[in-house]
Amino acid sequence: MGGLVIALLVVSPLISADPIVEAPRSCTVLSPAEAKASADAFYERGDFQDAGKCYEAAGDPSRAQLAYLKAVRPNAEVAARDLEQQRNAARAQLAQLQQAFRTHH
């Protein structure tokens, strides 16, 4: 019985999720008008990548390209932050390795 409760708690947010959130995967099965409405909602929330996918499904390539262009900058900023974090981690590991060699030799 306890496992069933846990399973329901895990699945419950998925069942009650807003159907628009699922739209990028299903934009191709929506009518063009529904895909455009989903795209507009994503665009307003700043989710430009998903908006672009839905605009493509709606048959609006110019809006899709605009949405994809707007998605480039946030994606590039995230990639730059990730690269900086990886570089800092590599430097820290190198410093630890150098310190280990100094103390043992």
N, C-alpha and C. Protein backbone atom coordinates (compact mmCIF):
# COMPACT_ATOMS: atom_id res chain seq x y z
N MET A 1 0.83 -1.19 0.00
CA MET A 1 0.00 0.00 0.00
C MET A 1 0.87 1.25 0.00
N GLY A 2 1.96 1.25 0.79
CA GLY A 2 2.84 2.40 0.86
C GLY A 2 3.49 2.68 -0.48
N GLY A 3 3.84 1.61 -1.23
CA GLY A 3 4.43 1.80 -2.55
C GLY A 3 3.47 2.46 -3.51
N LEU A 4 2.19 2.14 -3.37
CA LEU A 4 1.18 2.75 -4.23
C LEU A 4 1.07 4.24 -3.95
N VAL A 5 1.13 4.62 -2.69
CA VAL A 5 1.05 6.03 -2.31
C VAL A 5 2.24 6.79 -2.89
N ILE A 6 3.42 6.21 -2.76
CA ILE A 6 4.63 6.85 -3.30
C ILE A 6 4.52 6.97 -4.81
N ALA A 7 4.05 5.92 -5.47
CA ALA A 7 3.90 5.96 -6.93
C ALA A 7 2.92 7.05 -7.34
N LEU A 8 1.82 7.19 -6.61
CA LEU A 8 0.85 8.23 -6.92
C LEU A 8 1.42 9.63 -6.69
N LEU A 9 2.23 9.78 -5.66
CA LEU A 9 2.86 11.07 -5.41
C LEU A 9 3.83 11.44 -6.52
N VAL A 10 4.53 10.44 -7.04
CA VAL A 10 5.49 10.69 -8.12
C VAL A 10 4.78 11.00 -9.42
N VAL A 11 3.71 10.28 -9.72
CA VAL A 11 3.00 10.43 -10.98
C VAL A 11 2.05 11.62 -10.95
N SER A 12 1.55 11.99 -9.79
CA SER A 12 0.57 13.06 -9.67
C SER A 12 0.96 14.36 -10.35
N PRO A 13 2.18 14.87 -10.16
CA PRO A 13 2.53 16.10 -10.87
C PRO A 13 2.51 15.95 -12.38
N LEU A 14 2.82 14.76 -12.85
CA LEU A 14 2.82 14.53 -14.29
C LEU A 14 1.40 14.54 -14.85
N ILE A 15 0.49 14.01 -14.10
CA ILE A 15 -0.90 13.94 -14.55
C ILE A 15 -1.52 15.33 -14.56
N SER A 16 -1.22 16.14 -13.55
CA SER A 16 -1.85 17.46 -13.46
C SER A 16 -1.06 18.54 -14.18
N ALA A 17 0.01 18.16 -14.88
CA ALA A 17 0.83 19.16 -15.57
C ALA A 17 0.03 19.86 -16.66
N ASP A 18 0.37 21.11 -16.88
CA ASP A 18 -0.26 21.91 -17.93
C ASP A 18 0.03 21.27 -19.28
N PRO A 19 -0.98 21.00 -20.11
CA PRO A 19 -0.73 20.33 -21.38
C PRO A 19 0.16 21.13 -22.32
N ILE A 20 0.23 22.45 -22.17
CA ILE A 20 1.09 23.25 -23.03
C ILE A 20 2.56 22.91 -22.79
N VAL A 21 2.91 22.55 -21.55
CA VAL A 21 4.29 22.20 -21.25
C VAL A 21 4.74 21.00 -22.08
N GLU A 22 3.82 20.12 -22.41
CA GLU A 22 4.14 18.94 -23.20
C GLU A 22 4.19 19.23 -24.70
N ALA A 23 3.84 20.41 -25.11
CA ALA A 23 3.64 20.73 -26.52
C ALA A 23 4.83 20.49 -27.43
N PRO A 24 6.08 20.77 -27.05
CA PRO A 24 7.15 20.58 -28.04
C PRO A 24 7.21 19.17 -28.59
N ARG A 25 6.95 18.20 -27.75
CA ARG A 25 6.98 16.81 -28.23
C ARG A 25 5.78 16.52 -29.12
N SER A 26 4.69 17.24 -28.88
CA SER A 26 3.47 16.91 -29.59
C SER A 26 3.02 18.01 -30.55
N CYS A 27 3.84 19.03 -30.78
CA CYS A 27 3.44 20.10 -31.70
C CYS A 27 3.11 19.55 -33.08
N THR A 28 3.78 18.50 -33.48
CA THR A 28 3.54 17.95 -34.81
C THR A 28 2.19 17.25 -34.91
N VAL A 29 1.58 16.88 -33.78
CA VAL A 29 0.28 16.21 -33.84
C VAL A 29 -0.86 17.19 -33.59
N LEU A 30 -0.53 18.45 -33.32
CA LEU A 30 -1.55 19.46 -33.12
C LEU A 30 -1.94 20.06 -34.47
N SER A 31 -3.09 20.68 -34.50
CA SER A 31 -3.45 21.43 -35.70
C SER A 31 -2.52 22.64 -35.79
N PRO A 32 -2.37 23.23 -36.97
CA PRO A 32 -1.50 24.42 -37.07
C PRO A 32 -1.90 25.53 -36.10
N ALA A 33 -3.19 25.75 -35.91
CA ALA A 33 -3.64 26.80 -35.00
C ALA A 33 -3.25 26.47 -33.55
N GLU A 34 -3.39 25.21 -33.17
CA GLU A 34 -3.02 24.79 -31.81
C GLU A 34 -1.50 24.87 -31.62
N ALA A 35 -0.76 24.47 -32.64
CA ALA A 35 0.71 24.55 -32.55
C ALA A 35 1.16 25.99 -32.42
N LYS A 36 0.50 26.90 -33.15
CA LYS A 36 0.85 28.32 -33.06
C LYS A 36 0.52 28.85 -31.67
N ALA A 37 -0.62 28.48 -31.12
CA ALA A 37 -1.00 28.92 -29.78
C ALA A 37 0.02 28.43 -28.74
N SER A 38 0.46 27.18 -28.88
CA SER A 38 1.48 26.65 -27.98
C SER A 38 2.78 27.41 -28.16
N ALA A 39 3.13 27.68 -29.42
CA ALA A 39 4.37 28.41 -29.70
C ALA A 39 4.32 29.80 -29.08
N ASP A 40 3.19 30.48 -29.21
CA ASP A 40 3.05 31.81 -28.62
C ASP A 40 3.22 31.76 -27.10
N ALA A 41 2.65 30.73 -26.47
CA ALA A 41 2.77 30.59 -25.02
C ALA A 41 4.23 30.36 -24.63
N PHE A 42 4.93 29.50 -25.35
CA PHE A 42 6.35 29.27 -25.06
C PHE A 42 7.15 30.54 -25.26
N TYR A 43 6.86 31.25 -26.32
CA TYR A 43 7.59 32.48 -26.64
C TYR A 43 7.42 33.51 -25.53
N GLU A 44 6.19 33.66 -25.05
CA GLU A 44 5.91 34.62 -23.98
C GLU A 44 6.64 34.26 -22.70
N ARG A 45 6.84 32.96 -22.45
CA ARG A 45 7.56 32.52 -21.25
C ARG A 45 9.07 32.58 -21.45
N GLY A 46 9.52 32.89 -22.66
CA GLY A 46 10.95 32.95 -22.91
C GLY A 46 11.56 31.60 -23.26
N ASP A 47 10.73 30.61 -23.51
CA ASP A 47 11.21 29.28 -23.91
C ASP A 47 11.26 29.26 -25.43
N PHE A 48 12.28 29.93 -25.97
CA PHE A 48 12.35 30.18 -27.41
C PHE A 48 12.63 28.93 -28.23
N GLN A 49 13.39 27.98 -27.67
CA GLN A 49 13.69 26.75 -28.41
C GLN A 49 12.40 25.97 -28.69
N ASP A 50 11.60 25.78 -27.65
CA ASP A 50 10.33 25.06 -27.83
C ASP A 50 9.36 25.86 -28.68
N ALA A 51 9.38 27.18 -28.55
CA ALA A 51 8.53 28.03 -29.40
C ALA A 51 8.88 27.81 -30.86
N GLY A 52 10.18 27.76 -31.16
CA GLY A 52 10.61 27.54 -32.54
C GLY A 52 10.11 26.23 -33.10
N LYS A 53 10.17 25.19 -32.28
CA LYS A 53 9.67 23.88 -32.73
C LYS A 53 8.19 23.93 -33.06
N CYS A 54 7.43 24.60 -32.20
CA CYS A 54 5.99 24.68 -32.44
C CYS A 54 5.66 25.58 -33.62
N TYR A 55 6.41 26.68 -33.78
CA TYR A 55 6.17 27.52 -34.96
C TYR A 55 6.45 26.74 -36.24
N GLU A 56 7.49 25.91 -36.22
CA GLU A 56 7.75 25.07 -37.40
C GLU A 56 6.57 24.15 -37.66
N ALA A 57 6.07 23.52 -36.61
CA ALA A 57 4.93 22.61 -36.76
C ALA A 57 3.69 23.35 -37.24
N ALA A 58 3.58 24.63 -36.89
CA ALA A 58 2.43 25.44 -37.31
C ALA A 58 2.59 25.94 -38.74
N GLY A 59 3.76 25.70 -39.34
CA GLY A 59 3.99 26.15 -40.70
C GLY A 59 4.39 27.62 -40.79
N ASP A 60 5.04 28.13 -39.74
CA ASP A 60 5.46 29.52 -39.71
C ASP A 60 6.99 29.59 -39.56
N PRO A 61 7.73 29.35 -40.67
CA PRO A 61 9.19 29.27 -40.56
C PRO A 61 9.85 30.59 -40.17
N SER A 62 9.27 31.73 -40.53
CA SER A 62 9.91 33.00 -40.16
C SER A 62 9.86 33.22 -38.65
N ARG A 63 8.74 32.92 -38.03
CA ARG A 63 8.66 33.04 -36.57
C ARG A 63 9.52 31.98 -35.89
N ALA A 64 9.61 30.79 -36.49
CA ALA A 64 10.46 29.75 -35.94
C ALA A 64 11.91 30.22 -35.91
N GLN A 65 12.36 30.82 -37.01
CA GLN A 65 13.75 31.29 -37.07
C GLN A 65 13.99 32.39 -36.04
N LEU A 66 13.05 33.29 -35.89
CA LEU A 66 13.18 34.36 -34.89
C LEU A 66 13.30 33.76 -33.48
N ALA A 67 12.46 32.79 -33.19
CA ALA A 67 12.51 32.15 -31.87
C ALA A 67 13.85 31.45 -31.67
N TYR A 68 14.33 30.73 -32.68
CA TYR A 68 15.62 30.05 -32.57
C TYR A 68 16.76 31.05 -32.37
N LEU A 69 16.69 32.19 -33.07
CA LEU A 69 17.72 33.21 -32.90
C LEU A 69 17.71 33.76 -31.48
N LYS A 70 16.54 33.94 -30.92
CA LYS A 70 16.46 34.42 -29.53
C LYS A 70 16.96 33.37 -28.55
N ALA A 71 16.88 32.10 -28.92
CA ALA A 71 17.34 31.02 -28.03
C ALA A 71 18.86 30.92 -28.02
N VAL A 72 19.51 31.42 -29.04
CA VAL A 72 20.97 31.26 -29.15
C VAL A 72 21.69 31.92 -27.98
N ARG A 73 21.35 33.15 -27.68
CA ARG A 73 22.07 33.87 -26.64
C ARG A 73 21.98 33.19 -25.28
N PRO A 74 20.78 32.86 -24.77
CA PRO A 74 20.74 32.17 -23.47
C PRO A 74 21.50 30.85 -23.49
N ASN A 75 21.39 30.10 -24.59
CA ASN A 75 22.11 28.84 -24.67
C ASN A 75 23.61 29.07 -24.66
N ALA A 76 24.08 30.11 -25.33
CA ALA A 76 25.50 30.42 -25.36
C ALA A 76 25.99 30.85 -23.98
N GLU A 77 25.16 31.62 -23.27
CA GLU A 77 25.54 32.06 -21.93
C GLU A 77 25.65 30.87 -20.98
N VAL A 78 24.73 29.94 -21.07
CA VAL A 78 24.78 28.74 -20.23
C VAL A 78 26.04 27.94 -20.56
N ALA A 79 26.32 27.78 -21.85
CA ALA A 79 27.51 27.04 -22.26
C ALA A 79 28.78 27.71 -21.76
N ALA A 80 28.83 29.03 -21.81
CA ALA A 80 30.00 29.76 -21.33
C ALA A 80 30.18 29.57 -19.83
N ARG A 81 29.08 29.62 -19.07
CA ARG A 81 29.17 29.38 -17.62
C ARG A 81 29.65 27.97 -17.33
N ASP A 82 29.10 26.99 -18.05
CA ASP A 82 29.52 25.61 -17.85
C ASP A 82 31.00 25.43 -18.15
N LEU A 83 31.46 26.05 -19.23
CA LEU A 83 32.87 25.97 -19.60
C LEU A 83 33.75 26.59 -18.52
N GLU A 84 33.33 27.73 -17.99
CA GLU A 84 34.08 28.40 -16.92
C GLU A 84 34.16 27.50 -15.68
N GLN A 85 33.06 26.86 -15.32
CA GLN A 85 33.05 25.96 -14.17
C GLN A 85 33.97 24.77 -14.39
N GLN A 86 33.95 24.21 -15.61
CA GLN A 86 34.82 23.09 -15.92
C GLN A 86 36.29 23.51 -15.88
N ARG A 87 36.56 24.70 -16.39
CA ARG A 87 37.94 25.20 -16.38
C ARG A 87 38.41 25.40 -14.94
N ASN A 88 37.58 25.97 -14.09
CA ASN A 88 37.95 26.18 -12.69
C ASN A 88 38.16 24.85 -11.98
N ALA A 89 37.32 23.87 -12.26
CA ALA A 89 37.48 22.55 -11.65
C ALA A 89 38.79 21.90 -12.11
N ALA A 90 39.11 22.03 -13.39
CA ALA A 90 40.36 21.45 -13.91
C ALA A 90 41.56 22.13 -13.27
N ARG A 91 41.51 23.44 -13.11
CA ARG A 91 42.61 24.16 -12.45
C ARG A 91 42.78 23.71 -11.00
N ALA A 92 41.67 23.54 -10.31
CA ALA A 92 41.73 23.10 -8.91
C ALA A 92 42.31 21.69 -8.82
N GLN A 93 41.92 20.81 -9.72
CA GLN A 93 42.48 19.45 -9.72
C GLN A 93 43.96 19.47 -10.03
N LEU A 94 44.37 20.30 -10.97
CA LEU A 94 45.79 20.41 -11.31
C LEU A 94 46.58 20.93 -10.12
N ALA A 95 46.04 21.92 -9.43
CA ALA A 95 46.73 22.46 -8.25
C ALA A 95 46.86 21.41 -7.17
N GLN A 96 45.81 20.61 -6.96
CA GLN A 96 45.87 19.53 -5.97
C GLN A 96 46.90 18.48 -6.36
N LEU A 97 46.95 18.16 -7.63
CA LEU A 97 47.90 17.17 -8.12
C LEU A 97 49.33 17.68 -7.96
N GLN A 98 49.56 18.95 -8.30
CA GLN A 98 50.90 19.53 -8.14
C GLN A 98 51.29 19.56 -6.67
N GLN A 99 50.35 19.91 -5.81
CA GLN A 99 50.64 19.94 -4.37
C GLN A 99 50.96 18.54 -3.86
N ALA A 100 50.25 17.54 -4.34
CA ALA A 100 50.51 16.16 -3.92
C ALA A 100 51.90 15.72 -4.33
N PHE A 101 52.32 16.08 -5.53
CA PHE A 101 53.67 15.72 -5.97
C PHE A 101 54.74 16.46 -5.18
N ARG A 102 54.49 17.69 -4.81
CA ARG A 102 55.47 18.49 -4.04
C ARG A 102 55.65 17.91 -2.65
N THR A 103 54.54 17.49 -2.02
CA THR A 103 54.64 17.00 -0.64
C THR A 103 55.24 15.60 -0.57
N HIS A 104 55.16 14.82 -1.64
CA HIS A 104 55.68 13.46 -1.65
C HIS A 104 57.07 13.35 -2.24
N HIS A 105 57.59 14.41 -2.83
CA HIS A 105 58.93 14.34 -3.42
C HIS A 105 59.86 15.32 -2.80
